[in-house]
ModelCIF file with pLDDT and N, C-alpha, C, O atoms, coordinates in Angstrom:
data_MODEL
#
_entry.id   MODEL 
#
_entity.id                         1 
_entity.type                       polymer 
_entity.pdbx_number_of_molecules   1 
#
_entity_poly.entity_id                      1 
_entity_poly.type                           'polypeptide(L)' 
_entity_poly.nstd_linkage                   no 
_entity_poly.nstd_monomer                   no 
_entity_poly.pdbx_seq_one_letter_code       KDNAKDTVYLQMNSLKPEDAAVYYCAATTVVYGSLWENIREEHMN 
_entity_poly.pdbx_seq_one_letter_code_can   KDNAKDTVYLQMNSLKPEDAAVYYCAATTVVYGSLWENIREEHMN 
_entity_poly.pdbx_strand_id                 A 
#
loop_
_entity_poly_seq.entity_id 
_entity_poly_seq.num 
_entity_poly_seq.mon_id 
_entity_poly_seq.hetero 
1 1  LYS n 
1 2  ASP n 
1 3  ASN n 
1 4  ALA n 
1 5  LYS n 
1 6  ASP n 
1 7  THR n 
1 8  VAL n 
1 9  TYR n 
1 10 LEU n 
1 11 GLN n 
1 12 MET n 
1 13 ASN n 
1 14 SER n 
1 15 LEU n 
1 16 LYS n 
1 17 PRO n 
1 18 GLU n 
1 19 ASP n 
1 20 ALA n 
1 21 ALA n 
1 22 VAL n 
1 23 TYR n 
1 24 TYR n 
1 25 CYS n 
1 26 ALA n 
1 27 ALA n 
1 28 THR n 
1 29 THR n 
1 30 VAL n 
1 31 VAL n 
1 32 TYR n 
1 33 GLY n 
1 34 SER n 
1 35 LEU n 
1 36 TRP n 
1 37 GLU n 
1 38 ASN n 
1 39 ILE n 
1 40 ARG n 
1 41 GLU n 
1 42 GLU n 
1 43 HIS n 
1 44 MET n 
1 45 ASN n 
#
_struct_asym.id          A 
_struct_asym.entity_id   1 
#
loop_
_ma_qa_metric.id 
_ma_qa_metric.mode 
_ma_qa_metric.name 
_ma_qa_metric.software_group_id 
_ma_qa_metric.type 
1 global pLDDT . pLDDT 
2 local  pLDDT . pLDDT 
#
_ma_qa_metric_global.metric_id      1 
_ma_qa_metric_global.metric_value   94.07 
_ma_qa_metric_global.model_id       1 
_ma_qa_metric_global.ordinal_id     1 
#
loop_
_ma_qa_metric_local.label_asym_id 
_ma_qa_metric_local.label_comp_id 
_ma_qa_metric_local.label_seq_id 
_ma_qa_metric_local.metric_id 
_ma_qa_metric_local.metric_value 
_ma_qa_metric_local.model_id 
_ma_qa_metric_local.ordinal_id 
A LYS 1  2 94.00 1 1  
A ASP 2  2 92.00 1 2  
A ASN 3  2 88.00 1 3  
A ALA 4  2 90.00 1 4  
A LYS 5  2 93.00 1 5  
A ASP 6  2 93.00 1 6  
A THR 7  2 95.00 1 7  
A VAL 8  2 96.00 1 8  
A TYR 9  2 98.00 1 9  
A LEU 10 2 98.00 1 10 
A GLN 11 2 98.00 1 11 
A MET 12 2 98.00 1 12 
A ASN 13 2 98.00 1 13 
A SER 14 2 98.00 1 14 
A LEU 15 2 98.00 1 15 
A LYS 16 2 97.00 1 16 
A PRO 17 2 97.00 1 17 
A GLU 18 2 97.00 1 18 
A ASP 19 2 98.00 1 19 
A ALA 20 2 98.00 1 20 
A ALA 21 2 98.00 1 21 
A VAL 22 2 98.00 1 22 
A TYR 23 2 98.00 1 23 
A TYR 24 2 98.00 1 24 
A CYS 25 2 98.00 1 25 
A ALA 26 2 97.00 1 26 
A ALA 27 2 95.00 1 27 
A THR 28 2 93.00 1 28 
A THR 29 2 90.00 1 29 
A VAL 30 2 89.00 1 30 
A VAL 31 2 87.00 1 31 
A TYR 32 2 90.00 1 32 
A GLY 33 2 87.00 1 33 
A SER 34 2 86.00 1 34 
A LEU 35 2 90.00 1 35 
A TRP 36 2 90.00 1 36 
A GLU 37 2 89.00 1 37 
A ASN 38 2 91.00 1 38 
A ILE 39 2 93.00 1 39 
A ARG 40 2 93.00 1 40 
A GLU 41 2 94.00 1 41 
A GLU 42 2 93.00 1 42 
A HIS 43 2 94.00 1 43 
A MET 44 2 95.00 1 44 
A ASN 45 2 93.00 1 45 
#
loop_
_atom_site.group_PDB 
_atom_site.id 
_atom_site.type_symbol 
_atom_site.label_atom_id 
_atom_site.label_alt_id 
_atom_site.label_comp_id 
_atom_site.label_asym_id 
_atom_site.label_entity_id 
_atom_site.label_seq_id 
_atom_site.pdbx_PDB_ins_code 
_atom_site.Cartn_x 
_atom_site.Cartn_y 
_atom_site.Cartn_z 
_atom_site.occupancy 
_atom_site.B_iso_or_equiv 
_atom_site.pdbx_formal_charge 
_atom_site.auth_seq_id 
_atom_site.auth_comp_id 
_atom_site.auth_asym_id 
_atom_site.auth_atom_id 
_atom_site.pdbx_PDB_model_num 
ATOM 1   N N  . LYS A 1 1  ? 1.048  24.044 -28.105 1.00 94.00 ? 1  LYS A N  1 
ATOM 2   C CA . LYS A 1 1  ? 2.330  23.344 -28.004 1.00 94.00 ? 1  LYS A CA 1 
ATOM 3   C C  . LYS A 1 1  ? 2.327  22.144 -28.919 1.00 94.00 ? 1  LYS A C  1 
ATOM 4   O O  . LYS A 1 1  ? 1.279  21.617 -29.290 1.00 94.00 ? 1  LYS A O  1 
ATOM 5   N N  . ASP A 1 2  ? 3.519  21.729 -29.270 1.00 92.00 ? 2  ASP A N  1 
ATOM 6   C CA . ASP A 1 2  ? 3.732  20.520 -30.054 1.00 92.00 ? 2  ASP A CA 1 
ATOM 7   C C  . ASP A 1 2  ? 4.643  19.621 -29.238 1.00 92.00 ? 2  ASP A C  1 
ATOM 8   O O  . ASP A 1 2  ? 5.845  19.869 -29.144 1.00 92.00 ? 2  ASP A O  1 
ATOM 9   N N  . ASN A 1 3  ? 4.076  18.582 -28.650 1.00 88.00 ? 3  ASN A N  1 
ATOM 10  C CA . ASN A 1 3  ? 4.863  17.712 -27.777 1.00 88.00 ? 3  ASN A CA 1 
ATOM 11  C C  . ASN A 1 3  ? 6.005  17.045 -28.524 1.00 88.00 ? 3  ASN A C  1 
ATOM 12  O O  . ASN A 1 3  ? 7.100  16.885 -27.985 1.00 88.00 ? 3  ASN A O  1 
ATOM 13  N N  . ALA A 1 4  ? 5.747  16.659 -29.757 1.00 90.00 ? 4  ALA A N  1 
ATOM 14  C CA . ALA A 1 4  ? 6.769  15.952 -30.529 1.00 90.00 ? 4  ALA A CA 1 
ATOM 15  C C  . ALA A 1 4  ? 7.984  16.823 -30.803 1.00 90.00 ? 4  ALA A C  1 
ATOM 16  O O  . ALA A 1 4  ? 9.100  16.322 -30.942 1.00 90.00 ? 4  ALA A O  1 
ATOM 17  N N  . LYS A 1 5  ? 7.763  18.121 -30.880 1.00 93.00 ? 5  LYS A N  1 
ATOM 18  C CA . LYS A 1 5  ? 8.858  19.051 -31.171 1.00 93.00 ? 5  LYS A CA 1 
ATOM 19  C C  . LYS A 1 5  ? 9.331  19.797 -29.937 1.00 93.00 ? 5  LYS A C  1 
ATOM 20  O O  . LYS A 1 5  ? 10.258 20.603 -30.019 1.00 93.00 ? 5  LYS A O  1 
ATOM 21  N N  . ASP A 1 6  ? 8.700  19.537 -28.777 1.00 93.00 ? 6  ASP A N  1 
ATOM 22  C CA . ASP A 1 6  ? 9.044  20.276 -27.565 1.00 93.00 ? 6  ASP A CA 1 
ATOM 23  C C  . ASP A 1 6  ? 9.025  21.780 -27.834 1.00 93.00 ? 6  ASP A C  1 
ATOM 24  O O  . ASP A 1 6  ? 9.946  22.505 -27.457 1.00 93.00 ? 6  ASP A O  1 
ATOM 25  N N  . THR A 1 7  ? 7.985  22.222 -28.477 1.00 95.00 ? 7  THR A N  1 
ATOM 26  C CA . THR A 1 7  ? 7.886  23.617 -28.884 1.00 95.00 ? 7  THR A CA 1 
ATOM 27  C C  . THR A 1 7  ? 6.535  24.195 -28.469 1.00 95.00 ? 7  THR A C  1 
ATOM 28  O O  . THR A 1 7  ? 5.495  23.550 -28.603 1.00 95.00 ? 7  THR A O  1 
ATOM 29  N N  . VAL A 1 8  ? 6.578  25.410 -27.970 1.00 96.00 ? 8  VAL A N  1 
ATOM 30  C CA . VAL A 1 8  ? 5.380  26.155 -27.603 1.00 96.00 ? 8  VAL A CA 1 
ATOM 31  C C  . VAL A 1 8  ? 5.234  27.321 -28.575 1.00 96.00 ? 8  VAL A C  1 
ATOM 32  O O  . VAL A 1 8  ? 6.218  27.953 -28.958 1.00 96.00 ? 8  VAL A O  1 
ATOM 33  N N  . TYR A 1 9  ? 4.014  27.588 -28.961 1.00 98.00 ? 9  TYR A N  1 
ATOM 34  C CA . TYR A 1 9  ? 3.745  28.650 -29.938 1.00 98.00 ? 9  TYR A CA 1 
ATOM 35  C C  . TYR A 1 9  ? 2.869  29.733 -29.314 1.00 98.00 ? 9  TYR A C  1 
ATOM 36  O O  . TYR A 1 9  ? 2.082  29.480 -28.402 1.00 98.00 ? 9  TYR A O  1 
ATOM 37  N N  . LEU A 1 10 ? 3.031  30.928 -29.830 1.00 98.00 ? 10 LEU A N  1 
ATOM 38  C CA . LEU A 1 10 ? 2.129  32.020 -29.484 1.00 98.00 ? 10 LEU A CA 1 
ATOM 39  C C  . LEU A 1 10 ? 1.640  32.625 -30.793 1.00 98.00 ? 10 LEU A C  1 
ATOM 40  O O  . LEU A 1 10 ? 2.386  33.326 -31.479 1.00 98.00 ? 10 LEU A O  1 
ATOM 41  N N  . GLN A 1 11 ? 0.400  32.355 -31.132 1.00 98.00 ? 11 GLN A N  1 
ATOM 42  C CA . GLN A 1 11 ? -0.218 32.934 -32.310 1.00 98.00 ? 11 GLN A CA 1 
ATOM 43  C C  . GLN A 1 11 ? -0.816 34.282 -31.929 1.00 98.00 ? 11 GLN A C  1 
ATOM 44  O O  . GLN A 1 11 ? -1.674 34.368 -31.050 1.00 98.00 ? 11 GLN A O  1 
ATOM 45  N N  . MET A 1 12 ? -0.361 35.313 -32.590 1.00 98.00 ? 12 MET A N  1 
ATOM 46  C CA . MET A 1 12 ? -0.801 36.669 -32.255 1.00 98.00 ? 12 MET A CA 1 
ATOM 47  C C  . MET A 1 12 ? -1.565 37.243 -33.444 1.00 98.00 ? 12 MET A C  1 
ATOM 48  O O  . MET A 1 12 ? -1.014 37.392 -34.535 1.00 98.00 ? 12 MET A O  1 
ATOM 49  N N  . ASN A 1 13 ? -2.806 37.554 -33.227 1.00 98.00 ? 13 ASN A N  1 
ATOM 50  C CA . ASN A 1 13 ? -3.676 38.103 -34.270 1.00 98.00 ? 13 ASN A CA 1 
ATOM 51  C C  . ASN A 1 13 ? -4.142 39.502 -33.883 1.00 98.00 ? 13 ASN A C  1 
ATOM 52  O O  . ASN A 1 13 ? -4.070 39.902 -32.721 1.00 98.00 ? 13 ASN A O  1 
ATOM 53  N N  . SER A 1 14 ? -4.616 40.228 -34.875 1.00 98.00 ? 14 SER A N  1 
ATOM 54  C CA . SER A 1 14 ? -5.131 41.588 -34.646 1.00 98.00 ? 14 SER A CA 1 
ATOM 55  C C  . SER A 1 14 ? -4.146 42.412 -33.822 1.00 98.00 ? 14 SER A C  1 
ATOM 56  O O  . SER A 1 14 ? -4.520 43.052 -32.839 1.00 98.00 ? 14 SER A O  1 
ATOM 57  N N  . LEU A 1 15 ? -2.915 42.385 -34.231 1.00 98.00 ? 15 LEU A N  1 
ATOM 58  C CA . LEU A 1 15 ? -1.869 43.053 -33.459 1.00 98.00 ? 15 LEU A CA 1 
ATOM 59  C C  . LEU A 1 15 ? -2.057 44.557 -33.433 1.00 98.00 ? 15 LEU A C  1 
ATOM 60  O O  . LEU A 1 15 ? -2.485 45.174 -34.408 1.00 98.00 ? 15 LEU A O  1 
ATOM 61  N N  . LYS A 1 16 ? -1.722 45.126 -32.283 1.00 97.00 ? 16 LYS A N  1 
ATOM 62  C CA . LYS A 1 16 ? -1.840 46.559 -32.062 1.00 97.00 ? 16 LYS A CA 1 
ATOM 63  C C  . LYS A 1 16 ? -0.454 47.130 -31.790 1.00 97.00 ? 16 LYS A C  1 
ATOM 64  O O  . LYS A 1 16 ? 0.445  46.393 -31.386 1.00 97.00 ? 16 LYS A O  1 
ATOM 65  N N  . PRO A 1 17 ? -0.267 48.420 -32.002 1.00 97.00 ? 17 PRO A N  1 
ATOM 66  C CA . PRO A 1 17 ? 1.036  49.020 -31.683 1.00 97.00 ? 17 PRO A CA 1 
ATOM 67  C C  . PRO A 1 17 ? 1.469  48.758 -30.248 1.00 97.00 ? 17 PRO A C  1 
ATOM 68  O O  . PRO A 1 17 ? 2.662  48.615 -29.980 1.00 97.00 ? 17 PRO A O  1 
ATOM 69  N N  . GLU A 1 18 ? 0.523  48.693 -29.327 1.00 97.00 ? 18 GLU A N  1 
ATOM 70  C CA . GLU A 1 18 ? 0.888  48.454 -27.930 1.00 97.00 ? 18 GLU A CA 1 
ATOM 71  C C  . GLU A 1 18 ? 1.318  47.016 -27.649 1.00 97.00 ? 18 GLU A C  1 
ATOM 72  O O  . GLU A 1 18 ? 1.757  46.708 -26.541 1.00 97.00 ? 18 GLU A O  1 
ATOM 73  N N  . ASP A 1 19 ? 1.197  46.132 -28.642 1.00 98.00 ? 19 ASP A N  1 
ATOM 74  C CA . ASP A 1 19 ? 1.719  44.777 -28.492 1.00 98.00 ? 19 ASP A CA 1 
ATOM 75  C C  . ASP A 1 19 ? 3.220  44.698 -28.792 1.00 98.00 ? 19 ASP A C  1 
ATOM 76  O O  . ASP A 1 19 ? 3.854  43.674 -28.538 1.00 98.00 ? 19 ASP A O  1 
ATOM 77  N N  . ALA A 1 20 ? 3.775  45.768 -29.327 1.00 98.00 ? 20 ALA A N  1 
ATOM 78  C CA . ALA A 1 20 ? 5.196  45.769 -29.658 1.00 98.00 ? 20 ALA A CA 1 
ATOM 79  C C  . ALA A 1 20 ? 6.034  45.628 -28.389 1.00 98.00 ? 20 ALA A C  1 
ATOM 80  O O  . ALA A 1 20 ? 5.845  46.361 -27.418 1.00 98.00 ? 20 ALA A O  1 
ATOM 81  N N  . ALA A 1 21 ? 6.952  44.682 -28.416 1.00 98.00 ? 21 ALA A N  1 
ATOM 82  C CA . ALA A 1 21 ? 7.768  44.391 -27.239 1.00 98.00 ? 21 ALA A CA 1 
ATOM 83  C C  . ALA A 1 21 ? 8.763  43.289 -27.577 1.00 98.00 ? 21 ALA A C  1 
ATOM 84  O O  . ALA A 1 21 ? 8.708  42.689 -28.650 1.00 98.00 ? 21 ALA A O  1 
ATOM 85  N N  . VAL A 1 22 ? 9.657  43.039 -26.656 1.00 98.00 ? 22 VAL A N  1 
ATOM 86  C CA . VAL A 1 22 ? 10.453 41.815 -26.704 1.00 98.00 ? 22 VAL A CA 1 
ATOM 87  C C  . VAL A 1 22 ? 9.646  40.740 -25.990 1.00 98.00 ? 22 VAL A C  1 
ATOM 88  O O  . VAL A 1 22 ? 9.226  40.916 -24.846 1.00 98.00 ? 22 VAL A O  1 
ATOM 89  N N  . TYR A 1 23 ? 9.439  39.641 -26.673 1.00 98.00 ? 23 TYR A N  1 
ATOM 90  C CA . TYR A 1 23 ? 8.649  38.544 -26.117 1.00 98.00 ? 23 TYR A CA 1 
ATOM 91  C C  . TYR A 1 23 ? 9.596  37.444 -25.631 1.00 98.00 ? 23 TYR A C  1 
ATOM 92  O O  . TYR A 1 23 ? 10.485 36.989 -26.352 1.00 98.00 ? 23 TYR A O  1 
ATOM 93  N N  . TYR A 1 24 ? 9.369  37.039 -24.387 1.00 98.00 ? 24 TYR A N  1 
ATOM 94  C CA . TYR A 1 24 ? 10.208 36.035 -23.750 1.00 98.00 ? 24 TYR A CA 1 
ATOM 95  C C  . TYR A 1 24 ? 9.407  34.777 -23.457 1.00 98.00 ? 24 TYR A C  1 
ATOM 96  O O  . TYR A 1 24 ? 8.253  34.843 -23.034 1.00 98.00 ? 24 TYR A O  1 
ATOM 97  N N  . CYS A 1 25 ? 10.026 33.649 -23.686 1.00 98.00 ? 25 CYS A N  1 
ATOM 98  C CA . CYS A 1 25 ? 9.479  32.369 -23.273 1.00 98.00 ? 25 CYS A CA 1 
ATOM 99  C C  . CYS A 1 25 ? 10.086 32.005 -21.928 1.00 98.00 ? 25 CYS A C  1 
ATOM 100 O O  . CYS A 1 25 ? 11.261 32.276 -21.680 1.00 98.00 ? 25 CYS A O  1 
ATOM 101 N N  . ALA A 1 26 ? 9.299  31.400 -21.071 1.00 97.00 ? 26 ALA A N  1 
ATOM 102 C CA . ALA A 1 26 ? 9.785  31.035 -19.748 1.00 97.00 ? 26 ALA A CA 1 
ATOM 103 C C  . ALA A 1 26 ? 9.105  29.753 -19.290 1.00 97.00 ? 26 ALA A C  1 
ATOM 104 O O  . ALA A 1 26 ? 8.016  29.411 -19.752 1.00 97.00 ? 26 ALA A O  1 
ATOM 105 N N  . ALA A 1 27 ? 9.764  29.051 -18.375 1.00 95.00 ? 27 ALA A N  1 
ATOM 106 C CA . ALA A 1 27 ? 9.247  27.787 -17.865 1.00 95.00 ? 27 ALA A CA 1 
ATOM 107 C C  . ALA A 1 27 ? 9.314  27.766 -16.353 1.00 95.00 ? 27 ALA A C  1 
ATOM 108 O O  . ALA A 1 27 ? 10.248 28.292 -15.748 1.00 95.00 ? 27 ALA A O  1 
ATOM 109 N N  . THR A 1 28 ? 8.306  27.148 -15.751 1.00 93.00 ? 28 THR A N  1 
ATOM 110 C CA . THR A 1 28 ? 8.272  27.012 -14.304 1.00 93.00 ? 28 THR A CA 1 
ATOM 111 C C  . THR A 1 28 ? 7.618  25.699 -13.922 1.00 93.00 ? 28 THR A C  1 
ATOM 112 O O  . THR A 1 28 ? 6.798  25.158 -14.664 1.00 93.00 ? 28 THR A O  1 
ATOM 113 N N  . THR A 1 29 ? 7.994  25.192 -12.750 1.00 90.00 ? 29 THR A N  1 
ATOM 114 C CA . THR A 1 29 ? 7.341  23.997 -12.216 1.00 90.00 ? 29 THR A CA 1 
ATOM 115 C C  . THR A 1 29 ? 6.234  24.357 -11.234 1.00 90.00 ? 29 THR A C  1 
ATOM 116 O O  . THR A 1 29 ? 5.588  23.467 -10.680 1.00 90.00 ? 29 THR A O  1 
ATOM 117 N N  . VAL A 1 30 ? 6.009  25.631 -11.014 1.00 89.00 ? 30 VAL A N  1 
ATOM 118 C CA . VAL A 1 30 ? 4.930  26.066 -10.136 1.00 89.00 ? 30 VAL A CA 1 
ATOM 119 C C  . VAL A 1 30 ? 3.598  25.632 -10.733 1.00 89.00 ? 30 VAL A C  1 
ATOM 120 O O  . VAL A 1 30 ? 3.386  25.721 -11.942 1.00 89.00 ? 30 VAL A O  1 
ATOM 121 N N  . VAL A 1 31 ? 2.710  25.164 -9.872  1.00 87.00 ? 31 VAL A N  1 
ATOM 122 C CA . VAL A 1 31 ? 1.373  24.741 -10.298 1.00 87.00 ? 31 VAL A CA 1 
ATOM 123 C C  . VAL A 1 31 ? 0.396  25.874 -10.000 1.00 87.00 ? 31 VAL A C  1 
ATOM 124 O O  . VAL A 1 31 ? 0.321  26.372 -8.877  1.00 87.00 ? 31 VAL A O  1 
ATOM 125 N N  . TYR A 1 32 ? -0.340 26.265 -11.019 1.00 90.00 ? 32 TYR A N  1 
ATOM 126 C CA . TYR A 1 32 ? -1.231 27.408 -10.881 1.00 90.00 ? 32 TYR A CA 1 
ATOM 127 C C  . TYR A 1 32 ? -2.697 26.990 -10.875 1.00 90.00 ? 32 TYR A C  1 
ATOM 128 O O  . TYR A 1 32 ? -3.086 25.952 -11.411 1.00 90.00 ? 32 TYR A O  1 
ATOM 129 N N  . GLY A 1 33 ? -3.490 27.851 -10.240 1.00 87.00 ? 33 GLY A N  1 
ATOM 130 C CA . GLY A 1 33 ? -4.937 27.706 -10.282 1.00 87.00 ? 33 GLY A CA 1 
ATOM 131 C C  . GLY A 1 33 ? -5.493 28.416 -11.484 1.00 87.00 ? 33 GLY A C  1 
ATOM 132 O O  . GLY A 1 33 ? -4.864 28.446 -12.541 1.00 87.00 ? 33 GLY A O  1 
ATOM 133 N N  . SER A 1 34 ? -6.657 28.983 -11.335 1.00 86.00 ? 34 SER A N  1 
ATOM 134 C CA . SER A 1 34 ? -7.372 29.538 -12.477 1.00 86.00 ? 34 SER A CA 1 
ATOM 135 C C  . SER A 1 34 ? -7.006 30.975 -12.808 1.00 86.00 ? 34 SER A C  1 
ATOM 136 O O  . SER A 1 34 ? -7.341 31.446 -13.895 1.00 86.00 ? 34 SER A O  1 
ATOM 137 N N  . LEU A 1 35 ? -6.339 31.682 -11.925 1.00 90.00 ? 35 LEU A N  1 
ATOM 138 C CA . LEU A 1 35 ? -6.116 33.115 -12.118 1.00 90.00 ? 35 LEU A CA 1 
ATOM 139 C C  . LEU A 1 35 ? -4.793 33.382 -12.819 1.00 90.00 ? 35 LEU A C  1 
ATOM 140 O O  . LEU A 1 35 ? -3.734 32.999 -12.322 1.00 90.00 ? 35 LEU A O  1 
ATOM 141 N N  . TRP A 1 36 ? -4.853 34.039 -13.974 1.00 90.00 ? 36 TRP A N  1 
ATOM 142 C CA . TRP A 1 36 ? -3.621 34.340 -14.701 1.00 90.00 ? 36 TRP A CA 1 
ATOM 143 C C  . TRP A 1 36 ? -2.767 35.342 -13.932 1.00 90.00 ? 36 TRP A C  1 
ATOM 144 O O  . TRP A 1 36 ? -1.547 35.388 -14.087 1.00 90.00 ? 36 TRP A O  1 
ATOM 145 N N  . GLU A 1 37 ? -3.430 36.142 -13.101 1.00 89.00 ? 37 GLU A N  1 
ATOM 146 C CA . GLU A 1 37 ? -2.696 37.153 -12.339 1.00 89.00 ? 37 GLU A CA 1 
ATOM 147 C C  . GLU A 1 37 ? -1.666 36.548 -11.379 1.00 89.00 ? 37 GLU A C  1 
ATOM 148 O O  . GLU A 1 37 ? -0.750 37.238 -10.930 1.00 89.00 ? 37 GLU A O  1 
ATOM 149 N N  . ASN A 1 38 ? -1.820 35.261 -11.069 1.00 91.00 ? 38 ASN A N  1 
ATOM 150 C CA . ASN A 1 38 ? -0.885 34.606 -10.147 1.00 91.00 ? 38 ASN A CA 1 
ATOM 151 C C  . ASN A 1 38 ? 0.399  34.135 -10.825 1.00 91.00 ? 38 ASN A C  1 
ATOM 152 O O  . ASN A 1 38 ? 1.342  33.719 -10.153 1.00 91.00 ? 38 ASN A O  1 
ATOM 153 N N  . ILE A 1 39 ? 0.433  34.199 -12.141 1.00 93.00 ? 39 ILE A N  1 
ATOM 154 C CA . ILE A 1 39 ? 1.612  33.740 -12.882 1.00 93.00 ? 39 ILE A CA 1 
ATOM 155 C C  . ILE A 1 39 ? 2.592  34.908 -12.953 1.00 93.00 ? 39 ILE A C  1 
ATOM 156 O O  . ILE A 1 39 ? 2.360  35.883 -13.668 1.00 93.00 ? 39 ILE A O  1 
ATOM 157 N N  . ARG A 1 40 ? 3.671  34.800 -12.217 1.00 93.00 ? 40 ARG A N  1 
ATOM 158 C CA . ARG A 1 40 ? 4.600  35.916 -12.033 1.00 93.00 ? 40 ARG A CA 1 
ATOM 159 C C  . ARG A 1 40 ? 5.982  35.553 -12.559 1.00 93.00 ? 40 ARG A C  1 
ATOM 160 O O  . ARG A 1 40 ? 6.377  34.387 -12.547 1.00 93.00 ? 40 ARG A O  1 
ATOM 161 N N  . GLU A 1 41 ? 6.697  36.548 -13.013 1.00 94.00 ? 41 GLU A N  1 
ATOM 162 C CA . GLU A 1 41 ? 8.015  36.278 -13.585 1.00 94.00 ? 41 GLU A CA 1 
ATOM 163 C C  . GLU A 1 41 ? 8.982  35.723 -12.552 1.00 94.00 ? 41 GLU A C  1 
ATOM 164 O O  . GLU A 1 41 ? 9.888  34.967 -12.902 1.00 94.00 ? 41 GLU A O  1 
ATOM 165 N N  . GLU A 1 42 ? 8.807  36.081 -11.293 1.00 93.00 ? 42 GLU A N  1 
ATOM 166 C CA . GLU A 1 42 ? 9.728  35.576 -10.272 1.00 93.00 ? 42 GLU A CA 1 
ATOM 167 C C  . GLU A 1 42 ? 9.555  34.077 -10.028 1.00 93.00 ? 42 GLU A C  1 
ATOM 168 O O  . GLU A 1 42 ? 10.397 33.455 -9.381  1.00 93.00 ? 42 GLU A O  1 
ATOM 169 N N  . HIS A 1 43 ? 8.477  33.499 -10.538 1.00 94.00 ? 43 HIS A N  1 
ATOM 170 C CA . HIS A 1 43 ? 8.262  32.053 -10.415 1.00 94.00 ? 43 HIS A CA 1 
ATOM 171 C C  . HIS A 1 43 ? 9.015  31.258 -11.476 1.00 94.00 ? 43 HIS A C  1 
ATOM 172 O O  . HIS A 1 43 ? 9.182  30.046 -11.335 1.00 94.00 ? 43 HIS A O  1 
ATOM 173 N N  . MET A 1 44 ? 9.469  31.922 -12.532 1.00 95.00 ? 44 MET A N  1 
ATOM 174 C CA . MET A 1 44 ? 10.040 31.217 -13.666 1.00 95.00 ? 44 MET A CA 1 
ATOM 175 C C  . MET A 1 44 ? 11.433 30.688 -13.353 1.00 95.00 ? 44 MET A C  1 
ATOM 176 O O  . MET A 1 44 ? 12.269 31.393 -12.787 1.00 95.00 ? 44 MET A O  1 
ATOM 177 N N  . ASN A 1 45 ? 11.666 29.435 -13.731 1.00 93.00 ? 45 ASN A N  1 
ATOM 178 C CA . ASN A 1 45 ? 12.951 28.803 -13.503 1.00 93.00 ? 45 ASN A CA 1 
ATOM 179 C C  . ASN A 1 45 ? 13.917 29.011 -14.656 1.00 93.00 ? 45 ASN A C  1 
ATOM 180 O O  . ASN A 1 45 ? 15.050 28.531 -14.607 1.00 93.00 ? 45 ASN A O  1 
#
C-alpha cells in the first residue's frame, strides 16, 4: 500500500492461466487473526 496515495497494490508474478479472473478490491473493518481462511467476502463493507 501507499498511504500517501490511499492506494493498495497487488503485484502478480509467475501468472498462470488459472489466475485469470475479475479481481476485486474490498475493504472491511473486521479485525483478523493469523488465518487467511477467516477473511470472507461477507465481511467486506
